[in-house]
């Protein structure tokens, strides 16, 4: 009895499994909505900082939505989430090019969601969805 066909079949199955696993991780993404006191965050930013080794992944929040994927370096794992939003106040202030003026902005998101964040996001391989409903209190 020849054992080589069994070994070849097992090796082929292993290669297919590894390719499938690699394919899943390369398609890792997370998307969702972000609101502050019920208002869509528009023009904000979201940063995922890995709990262990690795690089932070950042993106923009537009019209209350964000999307991060493997093209930005997202991998499965646990991340601290930082959300910021320099919201326009409606006031014009002097610019660095007088007499021109620019729109004033202020950080609208409390520190508990950015500089002192306790938000954690566990990202699995494949497509993930996570909404963040933030409150200013």
N, C-alpha and C. Protein backbone atom coordinates (compact mmCIF):
# COMPACT_ATOMS: atom_id res chain seq x y z
N UNK A 1 0.85 -1.18 0.00
CA UNK A 1 0.00 0.00 0.00
C UNK A 1 0.89 1.24 0.00
N UNK A 2 0.62 2.18 -0.84
CA UNK A 2 1.43 3.39 -0.97
C UNK A 2 0.85 4.50 -0.10
N UNK A 3 1.66 5.06 0.82
CA UNK A 3 1.20 6.09 1.76
C UNK A 3 1.30 7.49 1.16
N UNK A 4 2.00 7.64 0.06
CA UNK A 4 2.21 8.97 -0.51
C UNK A 4 0.93 9.69 -0.93
N UNK A 5 -0.06 9.02 -1.50
CA UNK A 5 -1.30 9.74 -1.85
C UNK A 5 -1.97 10.35 -0.62
N UNK A 6 -1.94 9.66 0.51
CA UNK A 6 -2.53 10.21 1.74
C UNK A 6 -1.76 11.43 2.23
N UNK A 7 -0.43 11.34 2.15
CA UNK A 7 0.41 12.47 2.58
C UNK A 7 0.16 13.67 1.67
N UNK A 8 0.09 13.41 0.37
CA UNK A 8 -0.17 14.51 -0.58
C UNK A 8 -1.54 15.13 -0.33
N UNK A 9 -2.54 14.32 -0.06
CA UNK A 9 -3.89 14.83 0.20
C UNK A 9 -3.90 15.67 1.48
N UNK A 10 -3.21 15.20 2.51
CA UNK A 10 -3.15 15.95 3.77
C UNK A 10 -2.41 17.27 3.57
N UNK A 11 -1.32 17.25 2.82
CA UNK A 11 -0.55 18.47 2.55
C UNK A 11 -1.40 19.46 1.75
N UNK A 12 -2.13 18.95 0.77
CA UNK A 12 -2.98 19.83 -0.04
C UNK A 12 -4.07 20.46 0.83
N UNK A 13 -4.66 19.66 1.72
CA UNK A 13 -5.70 20.19 2.61
C UNK A 13 -5.13 21.26 3.53
N UNK A 14 -3.91 21.05 4.02
CA UNK A 14 -3.26 22.04 4.88
C UNK A 14 -3.02 23.35 4.13
N UNK A 15 -2.54 23.26 2.90
CA UNK A 15 -2.28 24.45 2.09
C UNK A 15 -3.58 25.21 1.84
N UNK A 16 -4.65 24.50 1.49
CA UNK A 16 -5.94 25.14 1.25
C UNK A 16 -6.43 25.83 2.52
N UNK A 17 -6.28 25.20 3.67
CA UNK A 17 -6.70 25.78 4.94
C UNK A 17 -5.92 27.05 5.24
N UNK A 18 -4.61 27.01 5.04
CA UNK A 18 -3.78 28.19 5.31
C UNK A 18 -4.14 29.34 4.37
N UNK A 19 -4.39 29.04 3.12
CA UNK A 19 -4.79 30.08 2.17
C UNK A 19 -6.12 30.68 2.58
N UNK A 20 -7.06 29.84 3.02
CA UNK A 20 -8.38 30.34 3.44
C UNK A 20 -8.25 31.23 4.66
N UNK A 21 -7.41 30.83 5.62
CA UNK A 21 -7.20 31.66 6.82
C UNK A 21 -6.57 32.99 6.44
N UNK A 22 -5.55 32.94 5.60
CA UNK A 22 -4.88 34.18 5.18
C UNK A 22 -5.86 35.07 4.42
N UNK A 23 -6.71 34.47 3.59
CA UNK A 23 -7.69 35.26 2.85
C UNK A 23 -8.67 35.95 3.76
N UNK A 24 -9.09 35.29 4.84
CA UNK A 24 -10.04 35.90 5.77
C UNK A 24 -9.43 37.09 6.48
N UNK A 25 -8.19 36.95 6.93
CA UNK A 25 -7.59 38.04 7.69
C UNK A 25 -7.31 39.24 6.79
N UNK A 26 -7.05 38.99 5.48
CA UNK A 26 -6.76 40.12 4.61
C UNK A 26 -8.03 40.88 4.24
N UNK A 27 -9.21 40.30 4.54
CA UNK A 27 -10.47 40.96 4.25
C UNK A 27 -11.11 41.51 5.51
N UNK A 28 -10.31 41.68 6.56
CA UNK A 28 -10.83 42.19 7.83
C UNK A 28 -11.26 43.64 7.66
N UNK A 29 -12.46 43.94 8.15
CA UNK A 29 -12.95 45.32 8.11
C UNK A 29 -13.89 45.55 9.29
N UNK A 30 -14.04 46.82 9.64
CA UNK A 30 -15.01 47.21 10.66
C UNK A 30 -15.66 48.50 10.18
N UNK A 31 -16.96 48.59 10.37
CA UNK A 31 -17.71 49.78 9.98
C UNK A 31 -18.80 50.01 11.01
N UNK A 32 -19.31 51.22 11.01
CA UNK A 32 -20.41 51.50 11.92
C UNK A 32 -20.78 52.97 11.91
N UNK A 33 -21.64 53.31 12.88
CA UNK A 33 -22.12 54.68 13.02
C UNK A 33 -21.59 55.26 14.32
N UNK A 34 -21.41 56.59 14.32
CA UNK A 34 -20.95 57.28 15.52
C UNK A 34 -21.84 58.50 15.74
N UNK A 35 -22.44 58.56 16.94
CA UNK A 35 -23.25 59.71 17.31
C UNK A 35 -22.78 60.25 18.65
N UNK A 36 -23.02 61.52 18.86
CA UNK A 36 -22.77 62.17 20.15
C UNK A 36 -24.07 62.83 20.56
N UNK A 37 -24.64 62.36 21.65
CA UNK A 37 -25.94 62.85 22.14
C UNK A 37 -27.00 62.79 21.04
N UNK A 38 -26.94 61.72 20.23
CA UNK A 38 -27.92 61.51 19.18
C UNK A 38 -27.61 62.21 17.87
N UNK A 39 -26.60 63.08 17.84
CA UNK A 39 -26.23 63.81 16.63
C UNK A 39 -25.12 63.06 15.89
N UNK A 40 -25.27 62.93 14.56
CA UNK A 40 -24.23 62.27 13.76
C UNK A 40 -22.92 63.04 13.88
N UNK A 41 -21.84 62.34 14.14
CA UNK A 41 -20.50 62.94 14.12
C UNK A 41 -20.12 63.09 12.65
N UNK A 42 -19.78 64.30 12.23
CA UNK A 42 -19.44 64.55 10.83
C UNK A 42 -18.13 65.31 10.76
N UNK A 43 -17.11 64.66 10.19
CA UNK A 43 -15.79 65.29 10.11
C UNK A 43 -14.91 64.94 11.31
N UNK A 44 -15.29 63.92 12.04
CA UNK A 44 -14.49 63.47 13.17
C UNK A 44 -13.48 62.42 12.75
N UNK A 45 -12.79 61.89 13.74
CA UNK A 45 -11.80 60.86 13.47
C UNK A 45 -11.94 59.70 14.44
N UNK A 46 -11.56 58.51 13.98
CA UNK A 46 -11.56 57.31 14.81
C UNK A 46 -10.21 56.65 14.67
N UNK A 47 -9.63 56.26 15.80
CA UNK A 47 -8.34 55.58 15.81
C UNK A 47 -8.47 54.32 16.65
N UNK A 48 -8.00 53.21 16.11
CA UNK A 48 -7.95 51.95 16.83
C UNK A 48 -6.50 51.67 17.19
N UNK A 49 -6.22 51.56 18.49
CA UNK A 49 -4.87 51.28 18.97
C UNK A 49 -4.83 49.85 19.50
N UNK A 50 -3.95 49.01 18.92
CA UNK A 50 -3.91 47.62 19.35
C UNK A 50 -3.50 47.48 20.81
N UNK A 51 -4.10 46.50 21.49
CA UNK A 51 -3.77 46.26 22.89
C UNK A 51 -2.35 45.72 23.03
N UNK A 52 -1.89 44.98 22.04
CA UNK A 52 -0.53 44.44 22.06
C UNK A 52 0.34 45.14 21.05
N UNK A 53 1.19 44.37 20.38
CA UNK A 53 2.04 44.92 19.33
C UNK A 53 1.21 45.26 18.11
N UNK A 54 1.72 46.16 17.31
CA UNK A 54 1.04 46.51 16.07
C UNK A 54 0.89 48.02 15.93
N UNK A 55 0.37 48.41 14.80
CA UNK A 55 0.22 49.83 14.48
C UNK A 55 -1.22 50.27 14.65
N UNK A 56 -1.40 51.54 14.99
CA UNK A 56 -2.73 52.12 15.10
C UNK A 56 -3.34 52.22 13.70
N UNK A 57 -4.65 52.12 13.66
CA UNK A 57 -5.41 52.23 12.41
C UNK A 57 -6.37 53.40 12.59
N UNK A 58 -6.32 54.35 11.66
CA UNK A 58 -7.14 55.55 11.80
C UNK A 58 -7.93 55.83 10.53
N UNK A 59 -9.05 56.50 10.73
CA UNK A 59 -9.89 56.89 9.60
C UNK A 59 -10.79 58.04 9.97
N UNK A 60 -11.53 58.50 8.99
CA UNK A 60 -12.41 59.65 9.17
C UNK A 60 -13.85 59.19 9.39
N UNK A 61 -14.57 59.99 10.15
CA UNK A 61 -16.00 59.76 10.35
C UNK A 61 -16.73 60.81 9.51
N UNK A 62 -17.50 60.36 8.53
CA UNK A 62 -18.24 61.26 7.64
C UNK A 62 -19.72 60.95 7.75
N UNK A 63 -20.51 61.98 7.95
CA UNK A 63 -21.97 61.83 8.04
C UNK A 63 -22.35 60.72 9.03
N UNK A 64 -21.59 60.65 10.13
CA UNK A 64 -21.89 59.69 11.18
C UNK A 64 -21.45 58.26 10.92
N UNK A 65 -20.65 58.02 9.86
CA UNK A 65 -20.23 56.66 9.52
C UNK A 65 -18.71 56.59 9.37
N UNK A 66 -18.18 55.40 9.70
CA UNK A 66 -16.76 55.15 9.51
C UNK A 66 -16.57 53.77 8.88
N UNK A 67 -15.40 53.58 8.27
CA UNK A 67 -15.05 52.29 7.68
C UNK A 67 -13.54 52.14 7.73
N UNK A 68 -13.07 51.07 8.34
CA UNK A 68 -11.64 50.76 8.39
C UNK A 68 -11.45 49.33 7.89
N UNK A 69 -10.36 49.11 7.12
CA UNK A 69 -10.15 47.77 6.59
C UNK A 69 -8.67 47.40 6.57
N UNK A 70 -8.40 46.23 6.05
CA UNK A 70 -7.03 45.70 6.00
C UNK A 70 -6.11 46.60 5.18
N UNK A 71 -6.64 47.32 4.21
CA UNK A 71 -5.81 48.23 3.41
C UNK A 71 -5.20 49.32 4.29
N UNK A 72 -5.85 49.64 5.41
CA UNK A 72 -5.31 50.62 6.37
C UNK A 72 -4.46 49.94 7.44
N UNK A 73 -4.35 48.62 7.36
CA UNK A 73 -3.54 47.88 8.32
C UNK A 73 -4.34 47.16 9.40
N UNK A 74 -5.67 47.15 9.28
CA UNK A 74 -6.51 46.50 10.29
C UNK A 74 -6.32 44.99 10.25
N UNK A 75 -6.09 44.42 11.41
CA UNK A 75 -5.96 42.98 11.58
C UNK A 75 -6.88 42.53 12.70
N UNK A 76 -7.26 41.28 12.75
CA UNK A 76 -8.05 40.81 13.88
C UNK A 76 -7.30 41.04 15.19
N UNK A 77 -8.03 41.39 16.24
CA UNK A 77 -7.42 41.61 17.54
C UNK A 77 -8.24 42.56 18.39
N UNK A 78 -7.71 42.89 19.54
CA UNK A 78 -8.38 43.79 20.48
C UNK A 78 -7.77 45.19 20.38
N UNK A 79 -8.63 46.20 20.32
CA UNK A 79 -8.17 47.59 20.13
C UNK A 79 -8.84 48.52 21.14
N UNK A 80 -8.08 49.54 21.57
CA UNK A 80 -8.66 50.67 22.28
C UNK A 80 -9.16 51.63 21.20
N UNK A 81 -10.34 52.20 21.41
CA UNK A 81 -10.95 53.07 20.41
C UNK A 81 -10.90 54.52 20.89
N UNK A 82 -10.36 55.40 20.05
CA UNK A 82 -10.32 56.83 20.34
C UNK A 82 -11.15 57.55 19.28
N UNK A 83 -12.09 58.38 19.75
CA UNK A 83 -12.95 59.13 18.83
C UNK A 83 -12.82 60.61 19.15
N UNK A 84 -12.62 61.42 18.13
CA UNK A 84 -12.51 62.87 18.30
C UNK A 84 -13.36 63.56 17.24
N UNK A 85 -13.73 64.81 17.56
CA UNK A 85 -14.55 65.59 16.62
C UNK A 85 -14.34 67.06 16.92
N UNK A 86 -13.60 67.74 16.07
CA UNK A 86 -13.45 69.20 16.17
C UNK A 86 -14.64 69.82 15.46
N UNK A 87 -15.69 70.04 16.24
CA UNK A 87 -16.96 70.51 15.72
C UNK A 87 -16.94 72.03 15.54
N UNK A 88 -17.53 72.49 14.45
CA UNK A 88 -17.62 73.92 14.19
C UNK A 88 -18.57 74.57 15.19
N UNK A 89 -18.16 75.73 15.70
CA UNK A 89 -18.98 76.43 16.70
C UNK A 89 -19.91 77.46 16.07
N UNK A 90 -19.67 77.81 14.82
CA UNK A 90 -20.47 78.83 14.16
C UNK A 90 -19.86 80.22 14.26
N UNK A 91 -18.72 80.33 14.95
CA UNK A 91 -18.03 81.62 15.10
C UNK A 91 -16.85 81.71 14.15
N UNK A 92 -16.58 82.93 13.70
CA UNK A 92 -15.38 83.19 12.90
C UNK A 92 -14.33 83.80 13.82
N UNK A 93 -13.09 83.32 13.68
CA UNK A 93 -12.00 83.83 14.49
C UNK A 93 -10.85 84.24 13.58
N UNK A 94 -9.94 85.10 14.07
CA UNK A 94 -8.80 85.52 13.23
C UNK A 94 -7.96 84.31 12.81
N UNK A 95 -7.49 84.35 11.56
CA UNK A 95 -6.66 83.27 11.05
C UNK A 95 -5.19 83.66 11.19
N UNK A 96 -4.32 82.79 10.74
CA UNK A 96 -2.89 83.08 10.72
C UNK A 96 -2.52 84.00 9.57
N UNK A 97 -3.52 84.38 8.79
CA UNK A 97 -3.33 85.24 7.62
C UNK A 97 -4.28 86.43 7.72
N UNK A 98 -4.02 87.36 8.67
CA UNK A 98 -4.92 88.51 8.85
C UNK A 98 -5.07 89.29 7.56
N UNK A 99 -6.17 89.87 7.27
CA UNK A 99 -7.37 90.02 8.08
C UNK A 99 -8.37 88.88 7.89
N UNK A 100 -7.94 87.80 7.24
CA UNK A 100 -8.85 86.67 6.99
C UNK A 100 -9.28 86.00 8.30
N UNK A 101 -10.44 85.36 8.25
CA UNK A 101 -10.96 84.65 9.41
C UNK A 101 -11.27 83.21 9.03
N UNK A 102 -11.27 82.35 10.03
CA UNK A 102 -11.59 80.94 9.84
C UNK A 102 -12.69 80.54 10.81
N UNK A 103 -13.34 79.42 10.52
CA UNK A 103 -14.38 78.94 11.43
C UNK A 103 -13.72 78.32 12.67
N UNK A 104 -14.24 78.71 13.81
CA UNK A 104 -13.73 78.16 15.07
C UNK A 104 -14.26 76.73 15.24
N UNK A 105 -13.41 75.86 15.78
CA UNK A 105 -13.82 74.50 16.12
C UNK A 105 -13.40 74.21 17.55
N UNK A 106 -14.15 73.32 18.18
CA UNK A 106 -13.83 72.87 19.54
C UNK A 106 -14.04 71.37 19.60
N UNK A 107 -13.20 70.71 20.41
CA UNK A 107 -13.35 69.26 20.61
C UNK A 107 -14.69 69.01 21.29
N UNK A 108 -15.57 68.31 20.60
CA UNK A 108 -16.91 68.06 21.12
C UNK A 108 -17.00 66.75 21.90
N UNK A 109 -16.11 65.82 21.62
CA UNK A 109 -16.16 64.50 22.25
C UNK A 109 -15.40 64.54 23.57
N UNK A 110 -16.03 64.12 24.65
CA UNK A 110 -15.36 64.11 25.96
C UNK A 110 -14.11 63.23 25.96
N UNK A 111 -13.19 63.57 26.84
CA UNK A 111 -11.91 62.85 26.97
C UNK A 111 -12.10 61.36 27.24
N UNK A 112 -13.22 60.99 27.84
CA UNK A 112 -13.44 59.58 28.17
C UNK A 112 -13.57 58.71 26.92
N UNK A 113 -13.68 59.36 25.74
CA UNK A 113 -13.76 58.62 24.48
C UNK A 113 -12.53 58.83 23.60
N UNK A 114 -11.55 59.62 24.05
CA UNK A 114 -10.33 59.80 23.26
C UNK A 114 -9.09 59.72 24.17
N UNK A 115 -8.64 60.82 24.74
CA UNK A 115 -7.40 60.83 25.53
C UNK A 115 -7.44 59.85 26.71
N UNK A 116 -8.62 59.65 27.29
CA UNK A 116 -8.76 58.75 28.45
C UNK A 116 -9.72 57.59 28.13
N UNK A 117 -9.72 57.16 26.89
CA UNK A 117 -10.71 56.19 26.44
C UNK A 117 -10.67 54.86 27.20
N UNK A 118 -11.84 54.34 27.41
CA UNK A 118 -12.00 52.99 27.96
C UNK A 118 -12.76 52.11 26.96
N UNK A 119 -13.02 52.66 25.76
CA UNK A 119 -13.71 51.90 24.72
C UNK A 119 -12.80 50.81 24.17
N UNK A 120 -13.30 49.60 24.12
CA UNK A 120 -12.55 48.46 23.59
C UNK A 120 -13.36 47.86 22.44
N UNK A 121 -12.67 47.49 21.39
CA UNK A 121 -13.31 46.84 20.25
C UNK A 121 -12.52 45.58 19.90
N UNK A 122 -13.18 44.45 19.91
CA UNK A 122 -12.57 43.19 19.49
C UNK A 122 -12.96 42.94 18.04
N UNK A 123 -11.95 42.92 17.18
CA UNK A 123 -12.16 42.75 15.74
C UNK A 123 -11.85 41.31 15.35
N UNK A 124 -12.81 40.65 14.73
CA UNK A 124 -12.62 39.29 14.22
C UNK A 124 -12.27 39.37 12.73
N UNK A 125 -11.73 38.30 12.18
CA UNK A 125 -11.48 38.25 10.75
C UNK A 125 -12.79 38.37 9.99
N UNK A 126 -12.77 39.00 8.84
CA UNK A 126 -13.99 39.19 8.06
C UNK A 126 -14.60 40.55 8.34
N UNK A 127 -15.89 40.67 8.08
CA UNK A 127 -16.61 41.94 8.22
C UNK A 127 -17.17 42.10 9.63
N UNK A 128 -16.90 43.24 10.26
CA UNK A 128 -17.38 43.56 11.60
C UNK A 128 -18.19 44.85 11.56
N UNK A 129 -19.18 44.97 12.43
CA UNK A 129 -19.96 46.19 12.56
C UNK A 129 -20.01 46.58 14.02
N UNK A 130 -19.71 47.85 14.31
CA UNK A 130 -19.79 48.36 15.69
C UNK A 130 -20.21 49.82 15.63
N UNK A 131 -21.35 50.12 16.26
CA UNK A 131 -21.83 51.50 16.38
C UNK A 131 -21.38 52.05 17.73
N UNK A 132 -21.10 53.35 17.77
CA UNK A 132 -20.73 54.04 19.01
C UNK A 132 -21.73 55.16 19.26
N UNK A 133 -22.52 55.03 20.31
CA UNK A 133 -23.48 56.06 20.71
C UNK A 133 -22.90 56.74 21.94
N UNK A 134 -22.21 57.86 21.71
CA UNK A 134 -21.50 58.58 22.76
C UNK A 134 -22.41 59.61 23.42
N UNK A 135 -22.11 59.92 24.67
CA UNK A 135 -22.84 60.98 25.39
C UNK A 135 -21.85 61.97 25.95
N UNK A 136 -22.25 63.22 26.00
CA UNK A 136 -21.35 64.26 26.51
C UNK A 136 -21.34 64.33 28.02
N UNK A 137 -22.21 63.61 28.68
CA UNK A 137 -22.26 63.63 30.15
C UNK A 137 -21.59 62.44 30.74
